[in-house]
PDB file of all heavy atoms in Angstrom:
ATOM      1  N   SER A   1       5.098   0.085 -11.733  1.00  0.00           N
ATOM      2  CA  SER A   1       3.821   0.747 -11.173  1.00  0.00           C
ATOM      3  C   SER A   1       3.644   0.321  -9.735  1.00  0.00           C
ATOM      4  O   SER A   1       3.203   1.143  -8.914  1.00  0.00           O
ATOM      5  CB  SER A   1       2.607   0.299 -11.977  1.00  0.00           C
ATOM      6  OG  SER A   1       2.471  -1.153 -11.994  1.00  0.00           O
ATOM      7  N   TYR A   2       4.085  -0.936  -9.361  1.00  0.00           N
ATOM      8  CA  TYR A   2       3.843  -1.372  -7.955  1.00  0.00           C
ATOM      9  C   TYR A   2       4.811  -0.644  -7.024  1.00  0.00           C
ATOM     10  O   TYR A   2       4.468  -0.447  -5.857  1.00  0.00           O
ATOM     11  CB  TYR A   2       3.974  -2.921  -7.814  1.00  0.00           C
ATOM     12  CG  TYR A   2       2.740  -3.587  -8.319  1.00  0.00           C
ATOM     13  CD1 TYR A   2       2.549  -3.957  -9.696  1.00  0.00           C
ATOM     14  CD2 TYR A   2       1.628  -3.709  -7.457  1.00  0.00           C
ATOM     15  CE1 TYR A   2       1.378  -4.502 -10.089  1.00  0.00           C
ATOM     16  CE2 TYR A   2       0.463  -4.278  -7.875  1.00  0.00           C
ATOM     17  CZ  TYR A   2       0.286  -4.618  -9.257  1.00  0.00           C
ATOM     18  OH  TYR A   2      -0.872  -5.195  -9.675  1.00  0.00           O
ATOM     19  N   TYR A   3       6.026  -0.288  -7.480  1.00  0.00           N
ATOM     20  CA  TYR A   3       6.906   0.537  -6.663  1.00  0.00           C
ATOM     21  C   TYR A   3       6.290   1.884  -6.404  1.00  0.00           C
ATOM     22  O   TYR A   3       6.295   2.406  -5.328  1.00  0.00           O
ATOM     23  CB  TYR A   3       8.250   0.626  -7.348  1.00  0.00           C
ATOM     24  CG  TYR A   3       9.322   1.294  -6.455  1.00  0.00           C
ATOM     25  CD1 TYR A   3      10.118   0.497  -5.621  1.00  0.00           C
ATOM     26  CD2 TYR A   3       9.511   2.721  -6.502  1.00  0.00           C
ATOM     27  CE1 TYR A   3      11.089   1.133  -4.773  1.00  0.00           C
ATOM     28  CE2 TYR A   3      10.440   3.267  -5.634  1.00  0.00           C
ATOM     29  CZ  TYR A   3      11.245   2.467  -4.833  1.00  0.00           C
ATOM     30  OH  TYR A   3      12.210   3.088  -4.002  1.00  0.00           O
ATOM     31  N   GLN A   4       5.700   2.441  -7.539  1.00  0.00           N
ATOM     32  CA  GLN A   4       5.072   3.752  -7.395  1.00  0.00           C
ATOM     33  C   GLN A   4       3.868   3.687  -6.450  1.00  0.00           C
ATOM     34  O   GLN A   4       3.636   4.596  -5.670  1.00  0.00           O
ATOM     35  CB  GLN A   4       4.588   4.252  -8.774  1.00  0.00           C
ATOM     36  CG  GLN A   4       3.871   5.588  -8.751  1.00  0.00           C
ATOM     37  CD  GLN A   4       4.681   6.761  -8.266  1.00  0.00           C
ATOM     38  OE1 GLN A   4       5.895   6.711  -8.335  1.00  0.00           O
ATOM     39  NE2 GLN A   4       4.055   7.734  -7.595  1.00  0.00           N
ATOM     40  N   MET A   5       3.152   2.597  -6.438  1.00  0.00           N
ATOM     41  CA  MET A   5       2.093   2.419  -5.455  1.00  0.00           C
ATOM     42  C   MET A   5       2.607   2.445  -4.047  1.00  0.00           C
ATOM     43  O   MET A   5       1.954   2.976  -3.135  1.00  0.00           O
ATOM     44  CB  MET A   5       1.349   1.102  -5.695  1.00  0.00           C
ATOM     45  CG  MET A   5       0.443   1.058  -6.918  1.00  0.00           C
ATOM     46  SD  MET A   5      -0.143  -0.671  -7.057  1.00  0.00           S
ATOM     47  CE  MET A   5      -0.468  -0.638  -8.838  1.00  0.00           C
ATOM     48  N   GLY A   6       3.822   1.841  -3.834  1.00  0.00           N
ATOM     49  CA  GLY A   6       4.393   1.925  -2.502  1.00  0.00           C
ATOM     50  C   GLY A   6       4.631   3.357  -2.062  1.00  0.00           C
ATOM     51  O   GLY A   6       4.414   3.716  -0.903  1.00  0.00           O
ATOM     52  N   VAL A   7       5.180   4.155  -3.010  1.00  0.00           N
ATOM     53  CA  VAL A   7       5.356   5.591  -2.729  1.00  0.00           C
ATOM     54  C   VAL A   7       4.095   6.283  -2.317  1.00  0.00           C
ATOM     55  O   VAL A   7       4.004   7.055  -1.369  1.00  0.00           O
ATOM     56  CB  VAL A   7       6.082   6.251  -3.860  1.00  0.00           C
ATOM     57  CG1 VAL A   7       6.223   7.759  -3.646  1.00  0.00           C
ATOM     58  CG2 VAL A   7       7.490   5.659  -4.148  1.00  0.00           C
ATOM     59  N   GLU A   8       3.059   6.009  -3.115  1.00  0.00           N
ATOM     60  CA  GLU A   8       1.710   6.660  -2.872  1.00  0.00           C
ATOM     61  C   GLU A   8       1.148   6.184  -1.563  1.00  0.00           C
ATOM     62  O   GLU A   8       0.625   7.014  -0.767  1.00  0.00           O
ATOM     63  CB  GLU A   8       0.760   6.296  -4.014  1.00  0.00           C
ATOM     64  CG  GLU A   8       1.211   6.938  -5.287  1.00  0.00           C
ATOM     65  CD  GLU A   8       0.524   6.349  -6.561  1.00  0.00           C
ATOM     66  OE1 GLU A   8      -0.249   5.348  -6.404  1.00  0.00           O
ATOM     67  OE2 GLU A   8       0.870   6.776  -7.672  1.00  0.00           O
ATOM     68  N   LEU A   9       1.316   4.935  -1.238  1.00  0.00           N
ATOM     69  CA  LEU A   9       0.820   4.405   0.030  1.00  0.00           C
ATOM     70  C   LEU A   9       1.574   5.005   1.230  1.00  0.00           C
ATOM     71  O   LEU A   9       0.923   5.329   2.247  1.00  0.00           O
ATOM     72  CB  LEU A   9       0.896   2.846   0.063  1.00  0.00           C
ATOM     73  CG  LEU A   9       0.199   2.110   1.175  1.00  0.00           C
ATOM     74  CD1 LEU A   9      -1.281   2.482   1.253  1.00  0.00           C
ATOM     75  CD2 LEU A   9       0.389   0.620   1.029  1.00  0.00           C
ATOM     76  N   ALA A  10       2.912   5.164   1.064  1.00  0.00           N
ATOM     77  CA  ALA A  10       3.682   5.846   2.113  1.00  0.00           C
ATOM     78  C   ALA A  10       3.238   7.205   2.393  1.00  0.00           C
ATOM     79  O   ALA A  10       3.010   7.604   3.580  1.00  0.00           O
ATOM     80  CB  ALA A  10       5.158   5.854   1.739  1.00  0.00           C
ATOM     81  N   GLU A  11       2.914   7.977   1.361  1.00  0.00           N
ATOM     82  CA  GLU A  11       2.396   9.360   1.572  1.00  0.00           C
ATOM     83  C   GLU A  11       1.014   9.309   2.237  1.00  0.00           C
ATOM     84  O   GLU A  11       0.741  10.104   3.143  1.00  0.00           O
ATOM     85  CB  GLU A  11       2.300   9.984   0.168  1.00  0.00           C
ATOM     86  CG  GLU A  11       3.639  10.258  -0.453  1.00  0.00           C
ATOM     87  CD  GLU A  11       3.546  10.705  -1.868  1.00  0.00           C
ATOM     88  OE1 GLU A  11       2.467  10.680  -2.480  1.00  0.00           O
ATOM     89  OE2 GLU A  11       4.584  11.130  -2.465  1.00  0.00           O
ATOM     90  N   ALA A  12       0.151   8.365   1.831  1.00  0.00           N
ATOM     91  CA  ALA A  12      -1.189   8.293   2.414  1.00  0.00           C
ATOM     92  C   ALA A  12      -1.131   7.839   3.857  1.00  0.00           C
ATOM     93  O   ALA A  12      -1.878   8.388   4.689  1.00  0.00           O
ATOM     94  CB  ALA A  12      -1.975   7.262   1.643  1.00  0.00           C
ATOM     95  N   MET A  13      -0.261   6.916   4.252  1.00  0.00           N
ATOM     96  CA  MET A  13      -0.136   6.514   5.617  1.00  0.00           C
ATOM     97  C   MET A  13       0.296   7.686   6.482  1.00  0.00           C
ATOM     98  O   MET A  13      -0.185   7.889   7.624  1.00  0.00           O
ATOM     99  CB  MET A  13       0.833   5.337   5.740  1.00  0.00           C
ATOM    100  CG  MET A  13       0.273   3.998   5.205  1.00  0.00           C
ATOM    101  SD  MET A  13      -1.152   3.399   6.181  1.00  0.00           S
ATOM    102  CE  MET A  13      -1.655   2.025   5.181  1.00  0.00           C
ATOM    103  N   LYS A  14       1.339   8.446   5.990  1.00  0.00           N
ATOM    104  CA  LYS A  14       1.861   9.579   6.801  1.00  0.00           C
ATOM    105  C   LYS A  14       0.782  10.617   6.997  1.00  0.00           C
ATOM    106  O   LYS A  14       0.521  11.100   8.141  1.00  0.00           O
ATOM    107  CB  LYS A  14       3.064  10.171   6.093  1.00  0.00           C
ATOM    108  CG  LYS A  14       3.689  11.348   6.856  1.00  0.00           C
ATOM    109  CD  LYS A  14       4.914  11.893   6.169  1.00  0.00           C
ATOM    110  CE  LYS A  14       5.593  12.991   6.925  1.00  0.00           C
ATOM    111  NZ  LYS A  14       6.777  13.514   6.309  1.00  0.00           N
ATOM    112  N   ALA A  15       0.050  10.929   5.909  1.00  0.00           N
ATOM    113  CA  ALA A  15      -0.983  11.948   6.002  1.00  0.00           C
ATOM    114  C   ALA A  15      -2.206  11.490   6.866  1.00  0.00           C
ATOM    115  O   ALA A  15      -2.714  12.206   7.655  1.00  0.00           O
ATOM    116  CB  ALA A  15      -1.485  12.355   4.607  1.00  0.00           C
ATOM    117  N   GLY A  16      -2.504  10.205   6.686  1.00  0.00           N
ATOM    118  CA  GLY A  16      -3.733   9.670   7.320  1.00  0.00           C
ATOM    119  C   GLY A  16      -3.552   9.445   8.830  1.00  0.00           C
ATOM    120  O   GLY A  16      -4.518   9.238   9.551  1.00  0.00           O
ATOM    121  N   THR A  17      -2.298   9.424   9.292  1.00  0.00           N
ATOM    122  CA  THR A  17      -2.025   9.187  10.722  1.00  0.00           C
ATOM    123  C   THR A  17      -1.292  10.418  11.357  1.00  0.00           C
ATOM    124  O   THR A  17      -0.769  10.313  12.446  1.00  0.00           O
ATOM    125  CB  THR A  17      -1.139   7.947  10.942  1.00  0.00           C
ATOM    126  OG1 THR A  17       0.145   8.119  10.229  1.00  0.00           O
ATOM    127  CG2 THR A  17      -1.814   6.668  10.358  1.00  0.00           C
ATOM    128  N   ASP A  18      -1.321  11.545  10.610  1.00  0.00           N
ATOM    129  CA  ASP A  18      -0.694  12.754  11.184  1.00  0.00           C
ATOM    130  C   ASP A  18       0.765  12.477  11.558  1.00  0.00           C
ATOM    131  O   ASP A  18       1.316  12.909  12.552  1.00  0.00           O
ATOM    132  CB  ASP A  18      -1.399  13.321  12.330  1.00  0.00           C
ATOM    133  CG  ASP A  18      -2.746  13.865  11.998  1.00  0.00           C
ATOM    134  OD1 ASP A  18      -2.922  14.376  10.875  1.00  0.00           O
ATOM    135  OD2 ASP A  18      -3.675  13.737  12.849  1.00  0.00           O
ATOM    136  N   GLY A  19       1.448  11.681  10.699  1.00  0.00           N
ATOM    137  CA  GLY A  19       2.871  11.325  10.902  1.00  0.00           C
ATOM    138  C   GLY A  19       3.124  10.162  11.881  1.00  0.00           C
ATOM    139  O   GLY A  19       4.252   9.896  12.181  1.00  0.00           O
ATOM    140  N   GLY A  20       2.033   9.568  12.355  1.00  0.00           N
ATOM    141  CA  GLY A  20       2.178   8.430  13.257  1.00  0.00           C
ATOM    142  C   GLY A  20       2.744   7.213  12.695  1.00  0.00           C
ATOM    143  O   GLY A  20       3.288   6.363  13.337  1.00  0.00           O
ATOM    144  N   VAL A  21       2.438   7.033  11.348  1.00  0.00           N
ATOM    145  CA  VAL A  21       3.043   5.832  10.615  1.00  0.00           C
ATOM    146  C   VAL A  21       3.932   6.373   9.490  1.00  0.00           C
ATOM    147  O   VAL A  21       3.462   7.171   8.641  1.00  0.00           O
ATOM    148  CB  VAL A  21       1.953   4.989  10.017  1.00  0.00           C
ATOM    149  CG1 VAL A  21       2.486   3.865   9.191  1.00  0.00           C
ATOM    150  CG2 VAL A  21       1.074   4.371  11.124  1.00  0.00           C
ATOM    151  N   ILE A  22       5.214   5.979   9.482  1.00  0.00           N
ATOM    152  CA  ILE A  22       6.130   6.394   8.470  1.00  0.00           C
ATOM    153  C   ILE A  22       6.614   5.138   7.776  1.00  0.00           C
ATOM    154  O   ILE A  22       7.177   4.206   8.285  1.00  0.00           O
ATOM    155  CB  ILE A  22       7.404   7.079   9.145  1.00  0.00           C
ATOM    156  CG1 ILE A  22       6.945   8.281   9.984  1.00  0.00           C
ATOM    157  CG2 ILE A  22       8.390   7.446   8.035  1.00  0.00           C
ATOM    158  CD1 ILE A  22       6.287   9.381   9.196  1.00  0.00           C
ATOM    159  N   LEU A  23       6.283   5.122   6.449  1.00  0.00           N
ATOM    160  CA  LEU A  23       6.737   3.969   5.547  1.00  0.00           C
ATOM    161  C   LEU A  23       7.937   4.387   4.718  1.00  0.00           C
ATOM    162  O   LEU A  23       7.980   5.477   4.179  1.00  0.00           O
ATOM    163  CB  LEU A  23       5.620   3.618   4.543  1.00  0.00           C
ATOM    164  CG  LEU A  23       4.574   2.615   4.999  1.00  0.00           C
ATOM    165  CD1 LEU A  23       3.610   3.282   6.051  1.00  0.00           C
ATOM    166  CD2 LEU A  23       3.757   2.130   3.793  1.00  0.00           C
ATOM    167  N   THR A  24       8.959   3.526   4.705  1.00  0.00           N
ATOM    168  CA  THR A  24      10.073   3.714   3.879  1.00  0.00           C
ATOM    169  C   THR A  24      10.052   2.643   2.835  1.00  0.00           C
ATOM    170  O   THR A  24      10.044   1.484   3.171  1.00  0.00           O
ATOM    171  CB  THR A  24      11.382   3.581   4.738  1.00  0.00           C
ATOM    172  OG1 THR A  24      11.394   4.573   5.746  1.00  0.00           O
ATOM    173  CG2 THR A  24      12.623   3.779   3.829  1.00  0.00           C
ATOM    174  N   VAL A  25      10.005   3.053   1.529  1.00  0.00           N
ATOM    175  CA  VAL A  25       9.867   2.110   0.443  1.00  0.00           C
ATOM    176  C   VAL A  25      11.190   1.470   0.181  1.00  0.00           C
ATOM    177  O   VAL A  25      12.225   2.121   0.026  1.00  0.00           O
ATOM    178  CB  VAL A  25       9.263   2.850  -0.758  1.00  0.00           C
ATOM    179  CG1 VAL A  25       9.133   1.848  -1.948  1.00  0.00           C
ATOM    180  CG2 VAL A  25       7.954   3.458  -0.471  1.00  0.00           C
ATOM    181  N   GLU A  26      11.202   0.120   0.086  1.00  0.00           N
ATOM    182  CA  GLU A  26      12.404  -0.647  -0.215  1.00  0.00           C
ATOM    183  C   GLU A  26      12.200  -1.473  -1.415  1.00  0.00           C
ATOM    184  O   GLU A  26      11.122  -2.113  -1.626  1.00  0.00           O
ATOM    185  CB  GLU A  26      12.707  -1.542   1.018  1.00  0.00           C
ATOM    186  CG  GLU A  26      13.921  -2.451   0.859  1.00  0.00           C
ATOM    187  CD  GLU A  26      14.112  -3.269   2.073  1.00  0.00           C
ATOM    188  OE1 GLU A  26      14.097  -2.744   3.233  1.00  0.00           O
ATOM    189  OE2 GLU A  26      14.182  -4.522   1.929  1.00  0.00           O
ATOM    190  N   GLU A  27      13.132  -1.488  -2.350  1.00  0.00           N
ATOM    191  CA  GLU A  27      12.999  -2.176  -3.631  1.00  0.00           C
ATOM    192  C   GLU A  27      13.011  -3.632  -3.396  1.00  0.00           C
ATOM    193  O   GLU A  27      13.691  -4.159  -2.444  1.00  0.00           O
ATOM    194  CB  GLU A  27      14.130  -1.759  -4.571  1.00  0.00           C
ATOM    195  CG  GLU A  27      13.966  -2.445  -5.959  1.00  0.00           C
ATOM    196  CD  GLU A  27      15.059  -1.970  -6.935  1.00  0.00           C
ATOM    197  OE1 GLU A  27      16.045  -1.318  -6.470  1.00  0.00           O
ATOM    198  OE2 GLU A  27      14.923  -2.270  -8.138  1.00  0.00           O
ATOM    199  N   SER A  28      12.247  -4.401  -4.236  1.00  0.00           N
ATOM    200  CA  SER A  28      12.221  -5.892  -4.135  1.00  0.00           C
ATOM    201  C   SER A  28      12.518  -6.447  -5.519  1.00  0.00           C
ATOM    202  O   SER A  28      12.286  -5.768  -6.547  1.00  0.00           O
ATOM    203  CB  SER A  28      10.890  -6.354  -3.608  1.00  0.00           C
ATOM    204  OG  SER A  28      10.618  -7.680  -3.915  1.00  0.00           O
ATOM    205  N   GLN A  29      12.918  -7.675  -5.531  1.00  0.00           N
ATOM    206  CA  GLN A  29      13.136  -8.380  -6.804  1.00  0.00           C
ATOM    207  C   GLN A  29      11.937  -9.186  -7.238  1.00  0.00           C
ATOM    208  O   GLN A  29      11.985  -9.833  -8.334  1.00  0.00           O
ATOM    209  CB  GLN A  29      14.401  -9.285  -6.708  1.00  0.00           C
ATOM    210  CG  GLN A  29      15.659  -8.465  -6.550  1.00  0.00           C
ATOM    211  CD  GLN A  29      15.894  -7.409  -7.578  1.00  0.00           C
ATOM    212  OE1 GLN A  29      15.821  -7.692  -8.797  1.00  0.00           O
ATOM    213  NE2 GLN A  29      16.036  -6.142  -7.124  1.00  0.00           N
ATOM    214  N   GLY A  30      10.905  -9.171  -6.436  1.00  0.00           N
ATOM    215  CA  GLY A  30       9.705  -9.927  -6.834  1.00  0.00           C
ATOM    216  C   GLY A  30       8.961 -10.602  -5.679  1.00  0.00           C
ATOM    217  O   GLY A  30       9.424 -10.676  -4.531  1.00  0.00           O
ATOM    218  N   SER A  31       7.810 -11.148  -5.935  1.00  0.00           N
ATOM    219  CA  SER A  31       6.896 -11.635  -4.955  1.00  0.00           C
ATOM    220  C   SER A  31       7.472 -12.905  -4.254  1.00  0.00           C
ATOM    221  O   SER A  31       7.169 -13.142  -3.090  1.00  0.00           O
ATOM    222  CB  SER A  31       5.499 -11.975  -5.592  1.00  0.00           C
ATOM    223  OG  SER A  31       4.941 -10.779  -6.022  1.00  0.00           O
TER     224      SER A  31
END
C-alpha cells in the first residue's frame, strides 16, 4: 500500500505543479 501511495503522490505532485515537480517512484526494502 505504501508503494501505491508513492504512485498516487507522484501523480498529485505532477498535477499540482503543472508538471513542475516530477516524482519517479523507486522501490525500497524498508524504513
